[in-house]
Amino acid sequence: KPRVGLLNNGTEASKGSELTKKAFELLSQETSIHFVGNVEARDILTG
């Protein structure tokens, strides 16, 4: 059950460009993956 994160400039669902906002919405609805929301670049090396 890998955790899937969307790279963004903030963890809030309202953050980002039109691309990332729409992608967040679609990823949240995708039942085949374990989506954990937005992740920031500073945190990706921490797991």
ModelCIF file with pLDDT and N, C-alpha, C, O atoms, coordinates in Angstrom:
data_MODEL
#
_entry.id   MODEL 
#
_entity.id                         1 
_entity.type                       polymer 
_entity.pdbx_number_of_molecules   1 
#
_entity_poly.entity_id                      1 
_entity_poly.type                           'polypeptide(L)' 
_entity_poly.nstd_linkage                   no 
_entity_poly.nstd_monomer                   no 
_entity_poly.pdbx_seq_one_letter_code       KPRVGLLNNGTEASKGSELTKKAFELLSQETSIHFVGNVEARDILTG 
_entity_poly.pdbx_seq_one_letter_code_can   KPRVGLLNNGTEASKGSELTKKAFELLSQETSIHFVGNVEARDILTG 
_entity_poly.pdbx_strand_id                 A 
#
loop_
_entity_poly_seq.entity_id 
_entity_poly_seq.num 
_entity_poly_seq.mon_id 
_entity_poly_seq.hetero 
1 1  LYS n 
1 2  PRO n 
1 3  ARG n 
1 4  VAL n 
1 5  GLY n 
1 6  LEU n 
1 7  LEU n 
1 8  ASN n 
1 9  ASN n 
1 10 GLY n 
1 11 THR n 
1 12 GLU n 
1 13 ALA n 
1 14 SER n 
1 15 LYS n 
1 16 GLY n 
1 17 SER n 
1 18 GLU n 
1 19 LEU n 
1 20 THR n 
1 21 LYS n 
1 22 LYS n 
1 23 ALA n 
1 24 PHE n 
1 25 GLU n 
1 26 LEU n 
1 27 LEU n 
1 28 SER n 
1 29 GLN n 
1 30 GLU n 
1 31 THR n 
1 32 SER n 
1 33 ILE n 
1 34 HIS n 
1 35 PHE n 
1 36 VAL n 
1 37 GLY n 
1 38 ASN n 
1 39 VAL n 
1 40 GLU n 
1 41 ALA n 
1 42 ARG n 
1 43 ASP n 
1 44 ILE n 
1 45 LEU n 
1 46 THR n 
1 47 GLY n 
#
_struct_asym.id          A 
_struct_asym.entity_id   1 
#
loop_
_ma_qa_metric.id 
_ma_qa_metric.mode 
_ma_qa_metric.name 
_ma_qa_metric.software_group_id 
_ma_qa_metric.type 
1 global pLDDT . pLDDT 
2 local  pLDDT . pLDDT 
#
_ma_qa_metric_global.metric_id      1 
_ma_qa_metric_global.metric_value   93.57 
_ma_qa_metric_global.model_id       1 
_ma_qa_metric_global.ordinal_id     1 
#
loop_
_ma_qa_metric_local.label_asym_id 
_ma_qa_metric_local.label_comp_id 
_ma_qa_metric_local.label_seq_id 
_ma_qa_metric_local.metric_id 
_ma_qa_metric_local.metric_value 
_ma_qa_metric_local.model_id 
_ma_qa_metric_local.ordinal_id 
A LYS 1  2 94.00 1 1  
A PRO 2  2 96.00 1 2  
A ARG 3  2 97.00 1 3  
A VAL 4  2 97.00 1 4  
A GLY 5  2 97.00 1 5  
A LEU 6  2 97.00 1 6  
A LEU 7  2 96.00 1 7  
A ASN 8  2 95.00 1 8  
A ASN 9  2 91.00 1 9  
A GLY 10 2 90.00 1 10 
A THR 11 2 89.00 1 11 
A GLU 12 2 90.00 1 12 
A ALA 13 2 86.00 1 13 
A SER 14 2 87.00 1 14 
A LYS 15 2 88.00 1 15 
A GLY 16 2 90.00 1 16 
A SER 17 2 92.00 1 17 
A GLU 18 2 93.00 1 18 
A LEU 19 2 94.00 1 19 
A THR 20 2 94.00 1 20 
A LYS 21 2 95.00 1 21 
A LYS 22 2 95.00 1 22 
A ALA 23 2 96.00 1 23 
A PHE 24 2 96.00 1 24 
A GLU 25 2 96.00 1 25 
A LEU 26 2 96.00 1 26 
A LEU 27 2 96.00 1 27 
A SER 28 2 95.00 1 28 
A GLN 29 2 96.00 1 29 
A GLU 30 2 94.00 1 30 
A THR 31 2 93.00 1 31 
A SER 32 2 92.00 1 32 
A ILE 33 2 95.00 1 33 
A HIS 34 2 97.00 1 34 
A PHE 35 2 97.00 1 35 
A VAL 36 2 96.00 1 36 
A GLY 37 2 96.00 1 37 
A ASN 38 2 96.00 1 38 
A VAL 39 2 96.00 1 39 
A GLU 40 2 94.00 1 40 
A ALA 41 2 92.00 1 41 
A ARG 42 2 91.00 1 42 
A ASP 43 2 93.00 1 43 
A ILE 44 2 92.00 1 44 
A LEU 45 2 90.00 1 45 
A THR 46 2 90.00 1 46 
A GLY 47 2 90.00 1 47 
#
loop_
_atom_site.group_PDB 
_atom_site.id 
_atom_site.type_symbol 
_atom_site.label_atom_id 
_atom_site.label_alt_id 
_atom_site.label_comp_id 
_atom_site.label_asym_id 
_atom_site.label_entity_id 
_atom_site.label_seq_id 
_atom_site.pdbx_PDB_ins_code 
_atom_site.Cartn_x 
_atom_site.Cartn_y 
_atom_site.Cartn_z 
_atom_site.occupancy 
_atom_site.B_iso_or_equiv 
_atom_site.pdbx_formal_charge 
_atom_site.auth_seq_id 
_atom_site.auth_comp_id 
_atom_site.auth_asym_id 
_atom_site.auth_atom_id 
_atom_site.pdbx_PDB_model_num 
ATOM 1   N N  . LYS A 1 1  ? 0.828   -1.210 0.000   1.00 94.00 ? 1  LYS A N  1 
ATOM 2   C CA . LYS A 1 1  ? 0.000   0.000  0.000   1.00 94.00 ? 1  LYS A CA 1 
ATOM 3   C C  . LYS A 1 1  ? 0.868   1.268  0.000   1.00 94.00 ? 1  LYS A C  1 
ATOM 4   O O  . LYS A 1 1  ? 0.850   2.026  0.970   1.00 94.00 ? 1  LYS A O  1 
ATOM 5   N N  . PRO A 1 2  ? 1.625   1.503  -1.077  1.00 96.00 ? 2  PRO A N  1 
ATOM 6   C CA . PRO A 1 2  ? 2.514   2.671  -1.154  1.00 96.00 ? 2  PRO A CA 1 
ATOM 7   C C  . PRO A 1 2  ? 1.749   3.985  -0.989  1.00 96.00 ? 2  PRO A C  1 
ATOM 8   O O  . PRO A 1 2  ? 0.659   4.158  -1.533  1.00 96.00 ? 2  PRO A O  1 
ATOM 9   N N  . ARG A 1 3  ? 2.338   4.896  -0.233  1.00 97.00 ? 3  ARG A N  1 
ATOM 10  C CA . ARG A 1 3  ? 1.744   6.227  -0.042  1.00 97.00 ? 3  ARG A CA 1 
ATOM 11  C C  . ARG A 1 3  ? 2.130   7.118  -1.220  1.00 97.00 ? 3  ARG A C  1 
ATOM 12  O O  . ARG A 1 3  ? 3.313   7.278  -1.521  1.00 97.00 ? 3  ARG A O  1 
ATOM 13  N N  . VAL A 1 4  ? 1.147   7.687  -1.875  1.00 97.00 ? 4  VAL A N  1 
ATOM 14  C CA . VAL A 1 4  ? 1.371   8.538  -3.043  1.00 97.00 ? 4  VAL A CA 1 
ATOM 15  C C  . VAL A 1 4  ? 1.136   9.992  -2.665  1.00 97.00 ? 4  VAL A C  1 
ATOM 16  O O  . VAL A 1 4  ? 0.066   10.346 -2.169  1.00 97.00 ? 4  VAL A O  1 
ATOM 17  N N  . GLY A 1 5  ? 2.146   10.840 -2.904  1.00 97.00 ? 5  GLY A N  1 
ATOM 18  C CA . GLY A 1 5  ? 2.027   12.259 -2.616  1.00 97.00 ? 5  GLY A CA 1 
ATOM 19  C C  . GLY A 1 5  ? 2.166   13.095 -3.878  1.00 97.00 ? 5  GLY A C  1 
ATOM 20  O O  . GLY A 1 5  ? 2.891   12.716 -4.797  1.00 97.00 ? 5  GLY A O  1 
ATOM 21  N N  . LEU A 1 6  ? 1.478   14.227 -3.928  1.00 97.00 ? 6  LEU A N  1 
ATOM 22  C CA . LEU A 1 6  ? 1.560   15.163 -5.054  1.00 97.00 ? 6  LEU A CA 1 
ATOM 23  C C  . LEU A 1 6  ? 2.490   16.307 -4.667  1.00 97.00 ? 6  LEU A C  1 
ATOM 24  O O  . LEU A 1 6  ? 2.236   17.007 -3.687  1.00 97.00 ? 6  LEU A O  1 
ATOM 25  N N  . LEU A 1 7  ? 3.557   16.502 -5.422  1.00 96.00 ? 7  LEU A N  1 
ATOM 26  C CA . LEU A 1 7  ? 4.501   17.579 -5.130  1.00 96.00 ? 7  LEU A CA 1 
ATOM 27  C C  . LEU A 1 7  ? 3.828   18.926 -5.342  1.00 96.00 ? 7  LEU A C  1 
ATOM 28  O O  . LEU A 1 7  ? 3.260   19.187 -6.403  1.00 96.00 ? 7  LEU A O  1 
ATOM 29  N N  . ASN A 1 8  ? 3.896   19.789 -4.313  1.00 95.00 ? 8  ASN A N  1 
ATOM 30  C CA . ASN A 1 8  ? 3.218   21.078 -4.381  1.00 95.00 ? 8  ASN A CA 1 
ATOM 31  C C  . ASN A 1 8  ? 3.957   22.088 -3.517  1.00 95.00 ? 8  ASN A C  1 
ATOM 32  O O  . ASN A 1 8  ? 4.916   21.738 -2.828  1.00 95.00 ? 8  ASN A O  1 
ATOM 33  N N  . ASN A 1 9  ? 3.511   23.346 -3.552  1.00 91.00 ? 9  ASN A N  1 
ATOM 34  C CA . ASN A 1 9  ? 4.164   24.386 -2.769  1.00 91.00 ? 9  ASN A CA 1 
ATOM 35  C C  . ASN A 1 9  ? 3.513   24.577 -1.404  1.00 91.00 ? 9  ASN A C  1 
ATOM 36  O O  . ASN A 1 9  ? 3.725   25.599 -0.752  1.00 91.00 ? 9  ASN A O  1 
ATOM 37  N N  . GLY A 1 10 ? 2.736   23.617 -0.979  1.00 90.00 ? 10 GLY A N  1 
ATOM 38  C CA . GLY A 1 10 ? 2.107   23.616 0.328   1.00 90.00 ? 10 GLY A CA 1 
ATOM 39  C C  . GLY A 1 10 ? 1.304   22.351 0.487   1.00 90.00 ? 10 GLY A C  1 
ATOM 40  O O  . GLY A 1 10 ? 0.950   21.715 -0.506  1.00 90.00 ? 10 GLY A O  1 
ATOM 41  N N  . THR A 1 11 ? 1.004   21.967 1.726   1.00 89.00 ? 11 THR A N  1 
ATOM 42  C CA . THR A 1 11 ? 0.280   20.722 1.960   1.00 89.00 ? 11 THR A CA 1 
ATOM 43  C C  . THR A 1 11 ? -1.236  20.890 1.882   1.00 89.00 ? 11 THR A C  1 
ATOM 44  O O  . THR A 1 11 ? -1.964  19.906 1.748   1.00 89.00 ? 11 THR A O  1 
ATOM 45  N N  . GLU A 1 12 ? -1.709  22.123 1.964   1.00 90.00 ? 12 GLU A N  1 
ATOM 46  C CA . GLU A 1 12 ? -3.149  22.355 1.911   1.00 90.00 ? 12 GLU A CA 1 
ATOM 47  C C  . GLU A 1 12 ? -3.709  22.034 0.530   1.00 90.00 ? 12 GLU A C  1 
ATOM 48  O O  . GLU A 1 12 ? -3.044  22.245 -0.484  1.00 90.00 ? 12 GLU A O  1 
ATOM 49  N N  . ALA A 1 13 ? -4.940  21.521 0.500   1.00 86.00 ? 13 ALA A N  1 
ATOM 50  C CA . ALA A 1 13 ? -5.582  21.155 -0.763  1.00 86.00 ? 13 ALA A CA 1 
ATOM 51  C C  . ALA A 1 13 ? -5.785  22.355 -1.675  1.00 86.00 ? 13 ALA A C  1 
ATOM 52  O O  . ALA A 1 13 ? -5.845  22.203 -2.895  1.00 86.00 ? 13 ALA A O  1 
ATOM 53  N N  . SER A 1 14 ? -5.890  23.546 -1.096  1.00 87.00 ? 14 SER A N  1 
ATOM 54  C CA . SER A 1 14 ? -6.136  24.760 -1.882  1.00 87.00 ? 14 SER A CA 1 
ATOM 55  C C  . SER A 1 14 ? -4.875  25.345 -2.505  1.00 87.00 ? 14 SER A C  1 
ATOM 56  O O  . SER A 1 14 ? -4.961  26.296 -3.282  1.00 87.00 ? 14 SER A O  1 
ATOM 57  N N  . LYS A 1 15 ? -3.712  24.799 -2.181  1.00 88.00 ? 15 LYS A N  1 
ATOM 58  C CA . LYS A 1 15 ? -2.440  25.342 -2.668  1.00 88.00 ? 15 LYS A CA 1 
ATOM 59  C C  . LYS A 1 15 ? -2.155  24.905 -4.104  1.00 88.00 ? 15 LYS A C  1 
ATOM 60  O O  . LYS A 1 15 ? -2.694  23.912 -4.592  1.00 88.00 ? 15 LYS A O  1 
ATOM 61  N N  . GLY A 1 16 ? -1.279  25.690 -4.775  1.00 90.00 ? 16 GLY A N  1 
ATOM 62  C CA . GLY A 1 16 ? -0.736  25.272 -6.055  1.00 90.00 ? 16 GLY A CA 1 
ATOM 63  C C  . GLY A 1 16 ? -1.332  25.943 -7.264  1.00 90.00 ? 16 GLY A C  1 
ATOM 64  O O  . GLY A 1 16 ? -2.144  26.862 -7.163  1.00 90.00 ? 16 GLY A O  1 
ATOM 65  N N  . SER A 1 17 ? -0.901  25.452 -8.420  1.00 92.00 ? 17 SER A N  1 
ATOM 66  C CA . SER A 1 17 ? -1.364  25.960 -9.709  1.00 92.00 ? 17 SER A CA 1 
ATOM 67  C C  . SER A 1 17 ? -2.676  25.272 -10.084 1.00 92.00 ? 17 SER A C  1 
ATOM 68  O O  . SER A 1 17 ? -3.159  24.394 -9.370  1.00 92.00 ? 17 SER A O  1 
ATOM 69  N N  . GLU A 1 18 ? -3.238  25.685 -11.209 1.00 93.00 ? 18 GLU A N  1 
ATOM 70  C CA . GLU A 1 18 ? -4.453  25.030 -11.686 1.00 93.00 ? 18 GLU A CA 1 
ATOM 71  C C  . GLU A 1 18 ? -4.196  23.550 -11.963 1.00 93.00 ? 18 GLU A C  1 
ATOM 72  O O  . GLU A 1 18 ? -5.060  22.703 -11.736 1.00 93.00 ? 18 GLU A O  1 
ATOM 73  N N  . LEU A 1 19 ? -2.983  23.252 -12.462 1.00 94.00 ? 19 LEU A N  1 
ATOM 74  C CA . LEU A 1 19 ? -2.611  21.859 -12.733 1.00 94.00 ? 19 LEU A CA 1 
ATOM 75  C C  . LEU A 1 19 ? -2.652  21.026 -11.459 1.00 94.00 ? 19 LEU A C  1 
ATOM 76  O O  . LEU A 1 19 ? -3.287  19.972 -11.428 1.00 94.00 ? 19 LEU A O  1 
ATOM 77  N N  . THR A 1 20 ? -1.974  21.496 -10.396 1.00 94.00 ? 20 THR A N  1 
ATOM 78  C CA . THR A 1 20 ? -1.888  20.699 -9.172  1.00 94.00 ? 20 THR A CA 1 
ATOM 79  C C  . THR A 1 20 ? -3.217  20.661 -8.415  1.00 94.00 ? 20 THR A C  1 
ATOM 80  O O  . THR A 1 20 ? -3.530  19.658 -7.774  1.00 94.00 ? 20 THR A O  1 
ATOM 81  N N  . LYS A 1 21 ? -3.995  21.734 -8.482  1.00 95.00 ? 21 LYS A N  1 
ATOM 82  C CA . LYS A 1 21 ? -5.302  21.735 -7.808  1.00 95.00 ? 21 LYS A CA 1 
ATOM 83  C C  . LYS A 1 21 ? -6.233  20.689 -8.426  1.00 95.00 ? 21 LYS A C  1 
ATOM 84  O O  . LYS A 1 21 ? -6.903  19.941 -7.715  1.00 95.00 ? 21 LYS A O  1 
ATOM 85  N N  . LYS A 1 22 ? -6.262  20.649 -9.757  1.00 95.00 ? 22 LYS A N  1 
ATOM 86  C CA . LYS A 1 22 ? -7.104  19.673 -10.446 1.00 95.00 ? 22 LYS A CA 1 
ATOM 87  C C  . LYS A 1 22 ? -6.566  18.265 -10.238 1.00 95.00 ? 22 LYS A C  1 
ATOM 88  O O  . LYS A 1 22 ? -7.336  17.323 -10.045 1.00 95.00 ? 22 LYS A O  1 
ATOM 89  N N  . ALA A 1 23 ? -5.233  18.120 -10.278 1.00 96.00 ? 23 ALA A N  1 
ATOM 90  C CA . ALA A 1 23 ? -4.622  16.810 -10.063 1.00 96.00 ? 23 ALA A CA 1 
ATOM 91  C C  . ALA A 1 23 ? -4.922  16.308 -8.650  1.00 96.00 ? 23 ALA A C  1 
ATOM 92  O O  . ALA A 1 23 ? -5.176  15.120 -8.453  1.00 96.00 ? 23 ALA A O  1 
ATOM 93  N N  . PHE A 1 24 ? -4.895  17.209 -7.670  1.00 96.00 ? 24 PHE A N  1 
ATOM 94  C CA . PHE A 1 24 ? -5.222  16.844 -6.286  1.00 96.00 ? 24 PHE A CA 1 
ATOM 95  C C  . PHE A 1 24 ? -6.642  16.281 -6.205  1.00 96.00 ? 24 PHE A C  1 
ATOM 96  O O  . PHE A 1 24 ? -6.891  15.266 -5.554  1.00 96.00 ? 24 PHE A O  1 
ATOM 97  N N  . GLU A 1 25 ? -7.556  16.960 -6.875  1.00 96.00 ? 25 GLU A N  1 
ATOM 98  C CA . GLU A 1 25 ? -8.958  16.533 -6.874  1.00 96.00 ? 25 GLU A CA 1 
ATOM 99  C C  . GLU A 1 25 ? -9.103  15.141 -7.483  1.00 96.00 ? 25 GLU A C  1 
ATOM 100 O O  . GLU A 1 25 ? -9.788  14.279 -6.933  1.00 96.00 ? 25 GLU A O  1 
ATOM 101 N N  . LEU A 1 26 ? -8.448  14.932 -8.628  1.00 96.00 ? 26 LEU A N  1 
ATOM 102 C CA . LEU A 1 26 ? -8.558  13.646 -9.317  1.00 96.00 ? 26 LEU A CA 1 
ATOM 103 C C  . LEU A 1 26 ? -7.867  12.522 -8.547  1.00 96.00 ? 26 LEU A C  1 
ATOM 104 O O  . LEU A 1 26 ? -8.376  11.404 -8.476  1.00 96.00 ? 26 LEU A O  1 
ATOM 105 N N  . LEU A 1 27 ? -6.709  12.827 -7.974  1.00 96.00 ? 27 LEU A N  1 
ATOM 106 C CA . LEU A 1 27 ? -5.976  11.820 -7.199  1.00 96.00 ? 27 LEU A CA 1 
ATOM 107 C C  . LEU A 1 27 ? -6.766  11.416 -5.954  1.00 96.00 ? 27 LEU A C  1 
ATOM 108 O O  . LEU A 1 27 ? -6.740  10.256 -5.544  1.00 96.00 ? 27 LEU A O  1 
ATOM 109 N N  . SER A 1 28 ? -7.457  12.368 -5.367  1.00 95.00 ? 28 SER A N  1 
ATOM 110 C CA . SER A 1 28 ? -8.276  12.083 -4.178  1.00 95.00 ? 28 SER A CA 1 
ATOM 111 C C  . SER A 1 28 ? -9.410  11.118 -4.495  1.00 95.00 ? 28 SER A C  1 
ATOM 112 O O  . SER A 1 28 ? -9.893  10.401 -3.619  1.00 95.00 ? 28 SER A O  1 
ATOM 113 N N  . GLN A 1 29 ? -9.831  11.109 -5.756  1.00 96.00 ? 29 GLN A N  1 
ATOM 114 C CA . GLN A 1 29 ? -10.945 10.253 -6.175  1.00 96.00 ? 29 GLN A CA 1 
ATOM 115 C C  . GLN A 1 29 ? -10.476 8.898  -6.710  1.00 96.00 ? 29 GLN A C  1 
ATOM 116 O O  . GLN A 1 29 ? -11.292 8.006  -6.943  1.00 96.00 ? 29 GLN A O  1 
ATOM 117 N N  . GLU A 1 30 ? -9.161  8.742  -6.907  1.00 94.00 ? 30 GLU A N  1 
ATOM 118 C CA . GLU A 1 30 ? -8.629  7.512  -7.488  1.00 94.00 ? 30 GLU A CA 1 
ATOM 119 C C  . GLU A 1 30 ? -8.542  6.415  -6.419  1.00 94.00 ? 30 GLU A C  1 
ATOM 120 O O  . GLU A 1 30 ? -7.722  6.497  -5.504  1.00 94.00 ? 30 GLU A O  1 
ATOM 121 N N  . THR A 1 31 ? -9.378  5.406  -6.539  1.00 93.00 ? 31 THR A N  1 
ATOM 122 C CA . THR A 1 31 ? -9.480  4.376  -5.502  1.00 93.00 ? 31 THR A CA 1 
ATOM 123 C C  . THR A 1 31 ? -8.385  3.311  -5.569  1.00 93.00 ? 31 THR A C  1 
ATOM 124 O O  . THR A 1 31 ? -8.213  2.543  -4.623  1.00 93.00 ? 31 THR A O  1 
ATOM 125 N N  . SER A 1 32 ? -7.645  3.258  -6.679  1.00 92.00 ? 32 SER A N  1 
ATOM 126 C CA . SER A 1 32 ? -6.641  2.204  -6.832  1.00 92.00 ? 32 SER A CA 1 
ATOM 127 C C  . SER A 1 32 ? -5.324  2.531  -6.133  1.00 92.00 ? 32 SER A C  1 
ATOM 128 O O  . SER A 1 32 ? -4.431  1.684  -6.082  1.00 92.00 ? 32 SER A O  1 
ATOM 129 N N  . ILE A 1 33 ? -5.185  3.750  -5.588  1.00 95.00 ? 33 ILE A N  1 
ATOM 130 C CA . ILE A 1 33 ? -3.950  4.155  -4.925  1.00 95.00 ? 33 ILE A CA 1 
ATOM 131 C C  . ILE A 1 33 ? -4.237  4.700  -3.535  1.00 95.00 ? 33 ILE A C  1 
ATOM 132 O O  . ILE A 1 33 ? -5.373  5.052  -3.216  1.00 95.00 ? 33 ILE A O  1 
ATOM 133 N N  . HIS A 1 34 ? -3.191  4.768  -2.707  1.00 97.00 ? 34 HIS A N  1 
ATOM 134 C CA . HIS A 1 34 ? -3.290  5.339  -1.366  1.00 97.00 ? 34 HIS A CA 1 
ATOM 135 C C  . HIS A 1 34 ? -2.713  6.758  -1.421  1.00 97.00 ? 34 HIS A C  1 
ATOM 136 O O  . HIS A 1 34 ? -1.526  6.973  -1.175  1.00 97.00 ? 34 HIS A O  1 
ATOM 137 N N  . PHE A 1 35 ? -3.581  7.716  -1.750  1.00 97.00 ? 35 PHE A N  1 
ATOM 138 C CA . PHE A 1 35 ? -3.152  9.105  -1.909  1.00 97.00 ? 35 PHE A CA 1 
ATOM 139 C C  . PHE A 1 35 ? -3.131  9.790  -0.545  1.00 97.00 ? 35 PHE A C  1 
ATOM 140 O O  . PHE A 1 35 ? -4.120  9.761  0.188   1.00 97.00 ? 35 PHE A O  1 
ATOM 141 N N  . VAL A 1 36 ? -1.979  10.417 -0.205  1.00 96.00 ? 36 VAL A N  1 
ATOM 142 C CA . VAL A 1 36 ? -1.822  11.053 1.108   1.00 96.00 ? 36 VAL A CA 1 
ATOM 143 C C  . VAL A 1 36 ? -1.830  12.575 1.022   1.00 96.00 ? 36 VAL A C  1 
ATOM 144 O O  . VAL A 1 36 ? -1.590  13.258 2.017   1.00 96.00 ? 36 VAL A O  1 
ATOM 145 N N  . GLY A 1 37 ? -2.108  13.110 -0.180  1.00 96.00 ? 37 GLY A N  1 
ATOM 146 C CA . GLY A 1 37 ? -2.226  14.555 -0.329  1.00 96.00 ? 37 GLY A CA 1 
ATOM 147 C C  . GLY A 1 37 ? -0.970  15.222 -0.863  1.00 96.00 ? 37 GLY A C  1 
ATOM 148 O O  . GLY A 1 37 ? -0.082  14.565 -1.406  1.00 96.00 ? 37 GLY A O  1 
ATOM 149 N N  . ASN A 1 38 ? -0.910  16.541 -0.701  1.00 96.00 ? 38 ASN A N  1 
ATOM 150 C CA . ASN A 1 38 ? 0.240   17.326 -1.170  1.00 96.00 ? 38 ASN A CA 1 
ATOM 151 C C  . ASN A 1 38 ? 1.455   17.101 -0.278  1.00 96.00 ? 38 ASN A C  1 
ATOM 152 O O  . ASN A 1 38 ? 1.332   16.922 0.934   1.00 96.00 ? 38 ASN A O  1 
ATOM 153 N N  . VAL A 1 39 ? 2.629   17.114 -0.902  1.00 96.00 ? 39 VAL A N  1 
ATOM 154 C CA . VAL A 1 39 ? 3.895   17.063 -0.156  1.00 96.00 ? 39 VAL A CA 1 
ATOM 155 C C  . VAL A 1 39 ? 4.793   18.173 -0.686  1.00 96.00 ? 39 VAL A C  1 
ATOM 156 O O  . VAL A 1 39 ? 4.732   18.527 -1.863  1.00 96.00 ? 39 VAL A O  1 
ATOM 157 N N  . GLU A 1 40 ? 5.626   18.716 0.195   1.00 94.00 ? 40 GLU A N  1 
ATOM 158 C CA . GLU A 1 40 ? 6.529   19.791 -0.196  1.00 94.00 ? 40 GLU A CA 1 
ATOM 159 C C  . GLU A 1 40 ? 7.911   19.243 -0.518  1.00 94.00 ? 40 GLU A C  1 
ATOM 160 O O  . GLU A 1 40 ? 8.317   18.197 -0.011  1.00 94.00 ? 40 GLU A O  1 
ATOM 161 N N  . ALA A 1 41 ? 8.627   19.971 -1.371  1.00 92.00 ? 41 ALA A N  1 
ATOM 162 C CA . ALA A 1 41 ? 9.949   19.529 -1.815  1.00 92.00 ? 41 ALA A CA 1 
ATOM 163 C C  . ALA A 1 41 ? 10.916  19.346 -0.655  1.00 92.00 ? 41 ALA A C  1 
ATOM 164 O O  . ALA A 1 41 ? 11.775  18.465 -0.692  1.00 92.00 ? 41 ALA A O  1 
ATOM 165 N N  . ARG A 1 42 ? 10.778  20.182 0.380   1.00 91.00 ? 42 ARG A N  1 
ATOM 166 C CA . ARG A 1 42 ? 11.711  20.094 1.519   1.00 91.00 ? 42 ARG A CA 1 
ATOM 167 C C  . ARG A 1 42 ? 11.534  18.798 2.313   1.00 91.00 ? 42 ARG A C  1 
ATOM 168 O O  . ARG A 1 42 ? 12.426  18.413 3.070   1.00 91.00 ? 42 ARG A O  1 
ATOM 169 N N  . ASP A 1 43 ? 10.398  18.127 2.150   1.00 93.00 ? 43 ASP A N  1 
ATOM 170 C CA . ASP A 1 43 ? 10.090  16.939 2.954   1.00 93.00 ? 43 ASP A CA 1 
ATOM 171 C C  . ASP A 1 43 ? 10.291  15.618 2.225   1.00 93.00 ? 43 ASP A C  1 
ATOM 172 O O  . ASP A 1 43 ? 10.258  14.565 2.861   1.00 93.00 ? 43 ASP A O  1 
ATOM 173 N N  . ILE A 1 44 ? 10.498  15.640 0.912   1.00 92.00 ? 44 ILE A N  1 
ATOM 174 C CA . ILE A 1 44 ? 10.481  14.378 0.168   1.00 92.00 ? 44 ILE A CA 1 
ATOM 175 C C  . ILE A 1 44 ? 11.639  13.449 0.538   1.00 92.00 ? 44 ILE A C  1 
ATOM 176 O O  . ILE A 1 44 ? 11.506  12.230 0.421   1.00 92.00 ? 44 ILE A O  1 
ATOM 177 N N  . LEU A 1 45 ? 12.771  14.003 0.982   1.00 90.00 ? 45 LEU A N  1 
ATOM 178 C CA . LEU A 1 45 ? 13.902  13.155 1.366   1.00 90.00 ? 45 LEU A CA 1 
ATOM 179 C C  . LEU A 1 45 ? 13.742  12.587 2.770   1.00 90.00 ? 45 LEU A C  1 
ATOM 180 O O  . LEU A 1 45 ? 14.581  11.806 3.220   1.00 90.00 ? 45 LEU A O  1 
ATOM 181 N N  . THR A 1 46 ? 12.678  12.969 3.466   1.00 90.00 ? 46 THR A N  1 
ATOM 182 C CA . THR A 1 46 ? 12.440  12.451 4.820   1.00 90.00 ? 46 THR A CA 1 
ATOM 183 C C  . THR A 1 46 ? 11.484  11.269 4.824   1.00 90.00 ? 46 THR A C  1 
ATOM 184 O O  . THR A 1 46 ? 11.188  10.723 5.887   1.00 90.00 ? 46 THR A O  1 
ATOM 185 N N  . GLY A 1 47 ? 10.998  10.864 3.661   1.00 90.00 ? 47 GLY A N  1 
ATOM 186 C CA . GLY A 1 47 ? 10.123  9.706  3.581   1.00 90.00 ? 47 GLY A CA 1 
ATOM 187 C C  . GLY A 1 47 ? 8.661   10.013 3.797   1.00 90.00 ? 47 GLY A C  1 
ATOM 188 O O  . GLY A 1 47 ? 7.827   9.109  3.752   1.00 90.00 ? 47 GLY A O  1 
#
